[in-house]
Each structure stands twice: as structure tokens, then as C-alpha cells.
Amino acid sequence: VQLQASGGGLVQAGGSLRLSCAASGGTFSRYVMGWFRQTPGKEREFVASITWSNMRYYADSVKGRFTISRDNAKNTVYLQMNSLKPDDTAAYYCASRGSGESEYRSWGQGTLVTVSS
């Protein structure tokens, strides 16, 4: 499956952004979709994931502020980010894995989110 992320940009602290990730070339509805983020010099970290049955999981650092959702008809997963903080500044990546797999196999290119104080 190919993934294309978009929606990053520059926002002030307290603001909102919505990231999108469009998938092609696979059976999107069967995949677990995830969002990860990475800043220079740090390891990539998990942000959120959503299963085919809409079970959602979040990192503690974003719980209550970010919402992951999916539209299977559009083969797209979203990450709504509210109450953004400067610490949320990172390149955000979407990824997919089969429901029975433990590792994400397909990755989109990063979309940069910059939160100014």
C-alpha cells in the first residue's frame, strides 16, 4: 500500500491542525493505521492508531488533544490535533499494518508540523 500524508504547517500554540493520509494499492479497510512523529536527533515515537473496527489508541502525551479517525470510503486516515504545544513540533508520518501483524510495513512521507510559542 502507498501512503501520502498532508496537512502539516505552521500554527501557534493552542491552535489546531488536521493531518490526512491517503492510501492506495491495498485493502484499506483491513489495515491498522497509525500516526508517528519524529524530531531531529530523537527516535520516532508512536502518536495514535486506529484499527479496522475503529478501536483507537493514543500516546499519553496527546491523549485528550488529538483524535484519530478513518474514512474507509475515501481510503483516508486523519489526525485532528487540537491545543497544540511547541513540543508537538515534529515530522508526522502515517503508517499501515495488517491486523495480525506487529510491525508497520508501509510508511508515508513525513508532513512537518511546527508549533510556535
C-alpha atoms as a PDB file:
ATOM      1  CA  VAL A   1       0.000   0.000   0.000  1.00  0.00           C
ATOM      2  CA  GLN A   2       1.183   3.524  -0.773  1.00  0.00           C
ATOM      3  CA  LEU A   3       0.565   6.302   1.726  1.00  0.00           C
ATOM      4  CA  GLN A   4       0.510  10.049   1.130  1.00  0.00           C
ATOM      5  CA  ALA A   5       0.418  12.351   4.147  1.00  0.00           C
ATOM      6  CA  SER A   6      -0.570  16.002   4.035  1.00  0.00           C
ATOM      7  CA  GLY A   7      -1.862  18.836   6.179  1.00  0.00           C
ATOM      8  CA  GLY A   8       1.212  19.929   8.093  1.00  0.00           C
ATOM      9  CA  GLY A   9       2.106  23.553   8.577  1.00  0.00           C
ATOM     10  CA  LEU A  10       2.916  26.336  10.989  1.00  0.00           C
ATOM     11  CA  VAL A  11       0.482  27.057  13.815  1.00  0.00           C
ATOM     12  CA  GLN A  12       0.585  28.992  17.053  1.00  0.00           C
ATOM     13  CA  ALA A  13       0.456  27.230  20.381  1.00  0.00           C
ATOM     14  CA  GLY A  14      -3.136  26.430  21.270  1.00  0.00           C
ATOM     15  CA  GLY A  15      -4.128  26.128  17.650  1.00  0.00           C
ATOM     16  CA  SER A  16      -5.310  23.163  15.607  1.00  0.00           C
ATOM     17  CA  LEU A  17      -4.329  21.236  12.512  1.00  0.00           C
ATOM     18  CA  ARG A  18      -5.759  18.220  10.751  1.00  0.00           C
ATOM     19  CA  LEU A  19      -3.430  15.789   9.050  1.00  0.00           C
ATOM     20  CA  SER A  20      -4.628  13.465   6.315  1.00  0.00           C
ATOM     21  CA  CYS A  21      -3.138  10.279   4.955  1.00  0.00           C
ATOM     22  CA  ALA A  22      -4.487   8.863   1.712  1.00  0.00           C
ATOM     23  CA  ALA A  23      -3.856   5.204   0.955  1.00  0.00           C
ATOM     24  CA  SER A  24      -3.778   3.434  -2.382  1.00  0.00           C
ATOM     25  CA  GLY A  25      -2.941  -0.002  -3.666  1.00  0.00           C
ATOM     26  CA  GLY A  26      -4.345  -2.095  -0.854  1.00  0.00           C
ATOM     27  CA  THR A  27      -7.483  -3.046   1.049  1.00  0.00           C
ATOM     28  CA  PHE A  28      -7.537  -0.027   3.309  1.00  0.00           C
ATOM     29  CA  SER A  29     -10.423  -1.173   5.488  1.00  0.00           C
ATOM     30  CA  ARG A  30      -8.421  -4.173   6.705  1.00  0.00           C
ATOM     31  CA  TYR A  31      -5.407  -2.222   7.877  1.00  0.00           C
ATOM     32  CA  VAL A  32      -4.466  -0.827  11.232  1.00  0.00           C
ATOM     33  CA  MET A  33      -3.449   2.764  10.571  1.00  0.00           C
ATOM     34  CA  GLY A  34      -1.062   4.712  12.739  1.00  0.00           C
ATOM     35  CA  TRP A  35       0.500   8.111  13.125  1.00  0.00           C
ATOM     36  CA  PHE A  36       4.036   8.575  14.362  1.00  0.00           C
ATOM     37  CA  ARG A  37       6.255  11.618  14.790  1.00  0.00           C
ATOM     38  CA  GLN A  38       9.935  12.341  14.861  1.00  0.00           C
ATOM     39  CA  THR A  39      12.152  15.292  15.665  1.00  0.00           C
ATOM     40  CA  PRO A  40      15.834  15.580  14.723  1.00  0.00           C
ATOM     41  CA  GLY A  41      18.069  13.538  16.993  1.00  0.00           C
ATOM     42  CA  LYS A  42      15.198  11.587  18.517  1.00  0.00           C
ATOM     43  CA  GLU A  43      13.644   8.254  17.773  1.00  0.00           C
ATOM     44  CA  ARG A  44      10.335   8.098  16.022  1.00  0.00           C
ATOM     45  CA  GLU A  45       7.515   7.860  18.526  1.00  0.00           C
ATOM     46  CA  PHE A  46       4.004   6.498  18.389  1.00  0.00           C
ATOM     47  CA  VAL A  47       1.207   9.056  18.386  1.00  0.00           C
ATOM     48  CA  ALA A  48      -2.044   7.235  17.663  1.00  0.00           C
ATOM     49  CA  SER A  49      -3.545   4.253  15.881  1.00  0.00           C
ATOM     50  CA  ILE A  50      -6.927   3.034  14.751  1.00  0.00           C
ATOM     51  CA  THR A  51      -7.987  -0.491  13.918  1.00  0.00           C
ATOM     52  CA  TRP A  52     -10.352  -1.713  11.215  1.00  0.00           C
ATOM     53  CA  SER A  53     -13.076  -1.784  13.886  1.00  0.00           C
ATOM     54  CA  ASN A  54     -12.326   1.797  14.994  1.00  0.00           C
ATOM     55  CA  MET A  55     -10.541   0.930  18.216  1.00  0.00           C
ATOM     56  CA  ARG A  56      -8.322   3.909  18.963  1.00  0.00           C
ATOM     57  CA  TYR A  57      -5.073   4.113  20.905  1.00  0.00           C
ATOM     58  CA  TYR A  58      -3.116   7.210  21.861  1.00  0.00           C
ATOM     59  CA  ALA A  59       0.215   8.149  23.350  1.00  0.00           C
ATOM     60  CA  ASP A  60      -0.221   9.664  26.793  1.00  0.00           C
ATOM     61  CA  SER A  61       1.308  12.906  25.557  1.00  0.00           C
ATOM     62  CA  VAL A  62      -1.524  13.531  23.087  1.00  0.00           C
ATOM     63  CA  LYS A  63      -4.473  11.904  24.830  1.00  0.00           C
ATOM     64  CA  GLY A  64      -7.381  14.317  25.083  1.00  0.00           C
ATOM     65  CA  ARG A  65      -5.926  16.661  22.463  1.00  0.00           C
ATOM     66  CA  PHE A  66      -5.544  14.518  19.334  1.00  0.00           C
ATOM     67  CA  THR A  67      -8.190  12.399  17.631  1.00  0.00           C
ATOM     68  CA  ILE A  68      -7.523   9.744  15.015  1.00  0.00           C
ATOM     69  CA  SER A  69     -10.272   8.746  12.610  1.00  0.00           C
ATOM     70  CA  ARG A  70     -10.655   6.947   9.317  1.00  0.00           C
ATOM     71  CA  ASP A  71     -12.928   7.103   6.303  1.00  0.00           C
ATOM     72  CA  ASN A  72     -12.810   3.730   4.583  1.00  0.00           C
ATOM     73  CA  ALA A  73     -14.831   5.023   1.633  1.00  0.00           C
ATOM     74  CA  LYS A  74     -12.066   7.560   0.955  1.00  0.00           C
ATOM     75  CA  ASN A  75      -9.157   5.303   1.962  1.00  0.00           C
ATOM     76  CA  THR A  76      -8.011   8.054   4.286  1.00  0.00           C
ATOM     77  CA  VAL A  77      -6.974   8.332   7.899  1.00  0.00           C
ATOM     78  CA  TYR A  78      -6.980  11.634   9.758  1.00  0.00           C
ATOM     79  CA  LEU A  79      -5.300  13.079  12.796  1.00  0.00           C
ATOM     80  CA  GLN A  80      -7.109  16.032  14.315  1.00  0.00           C
ATOM     81  CA  MET A  81      -4.695  17.909  16.543  1.00  0.00           C
ATOM     82  CA  ASN A  82      -6.070  20.460  18.990  1.00  0.00           C
ATOM     83  CA  SER A  83      -4.469  22.515  21.760  1.00  0.00           C
ATOM     84  CA  LEU A  84      -1.132  22.178  20.049  1.00  0.00           C
ATOM     85  CA  LYS A  85       2.024  22.768  22.035  1.00  0.00           C
ATOM     86  CA  PRO A  86       5.567  23.613  20.902  1.00  0.00           C
ATOM     87  CA  ASP A  87       6.554  20.080  21.989  1.00  0.00           C
ATOM     88  CA  ASP A  88       4.268  18.731  19.265  1.00  0.00           C
ATOM     89  CA  THR A  89       6.617  20.161  16.628  1.00  0.00           C
ATOM     90  CA  ALA A  90       7.811  17.229  14.520  1.00  0.00           C
ATOM     91  CA  ALA A  91       7.596  15.466  11.209  1.00  0.00           C
ATOM     92  CA  TYR A  92       4.459  13.347  11.299  1.00  0.00           C
ATOM     93  CA  TYR A  93       4.274  10.029   9.468  1.00  0.00           C
ATOM     94  CA  CYS A  94       1.359   7.757   8.727  1.00  0.00           C
ATOM     95  CA  ALA A  95       1.831   4.012   8.524  1.00  0.00           C
ATOM     96  CA  SER A  96      -0.169   0.842   7.990  1.00  0.00           C
ATOM     97  CA  ARG A  97      -0.011  -2.770   9.075  1.00  0.00           C
ATOM     98  CA  GLY A  98      -2.173  -5.832   8.743  1.00  0.00           C
ATOM     99  CA  SER A  99      -4.413  -6.549  11.713  1.00  0.00           C
ATOM    100  CA  GLY A 100      -2.446  -9.698  12.522  1.00  0.00           C
ATOM    101  CA  GLU A 101       0.952  -8.087  12.188  1.00  0.00           C
ATOM    102  CA  SER A 102       3.029  -6.414  14.869  1.00  0.00           C
ATOM    103  CA  GLU A 103       5.097  -4.150  12.682  1.00  0.00           C
ATOM    104  CA  TYR A 104       4.048  -1.320  10.414  1.00  0.00           C
ATOM    105  CA  ARG A 105       5.130  -2.219   6.893  1.00  0.00           C
ATOM    106  CA  SER A 106       4.164   0.782   4.816  1.00  0.00           C
ATOM    107  CA  TRP A 107       5.076   4.365   5.589  1.00  0.00           C
ATOM    108  CA  GLY A 108       4.140   7.665   4.057  1.00  0.00           C
ATOM    109  CA  GLN A 109       6.473  10.584   3.657  1.00  0.00           C
ATOM    110  CA  GLY A 110       6.524  12.958   6.606  1.00  0.00           C
ATOM    111  CA  THR A 111       4.497  16.108   6.876  1.00  0.00           C
ATOM    112  CA  LEU A 112       6.029  18.812   9.027  1.00  0.00           C
ATOM    113  CA  VAL A 113       4.120  20.368  11.896  1.00  0.00           C
ATOM    114  CA  THR A 114       5.644  23.412  13.541  1.00  0.00           C
ATOM    115  CA  VAL A 115       4.044  24.910  16.640  1.00  0.00           C
ATOM    116  CA  SER A 116       5.279  28.338  17.633  1.00  0.00           C
ATOM    117  CA  SER A 117       5.130  29.635  21.187  1.00  0.00           C
END
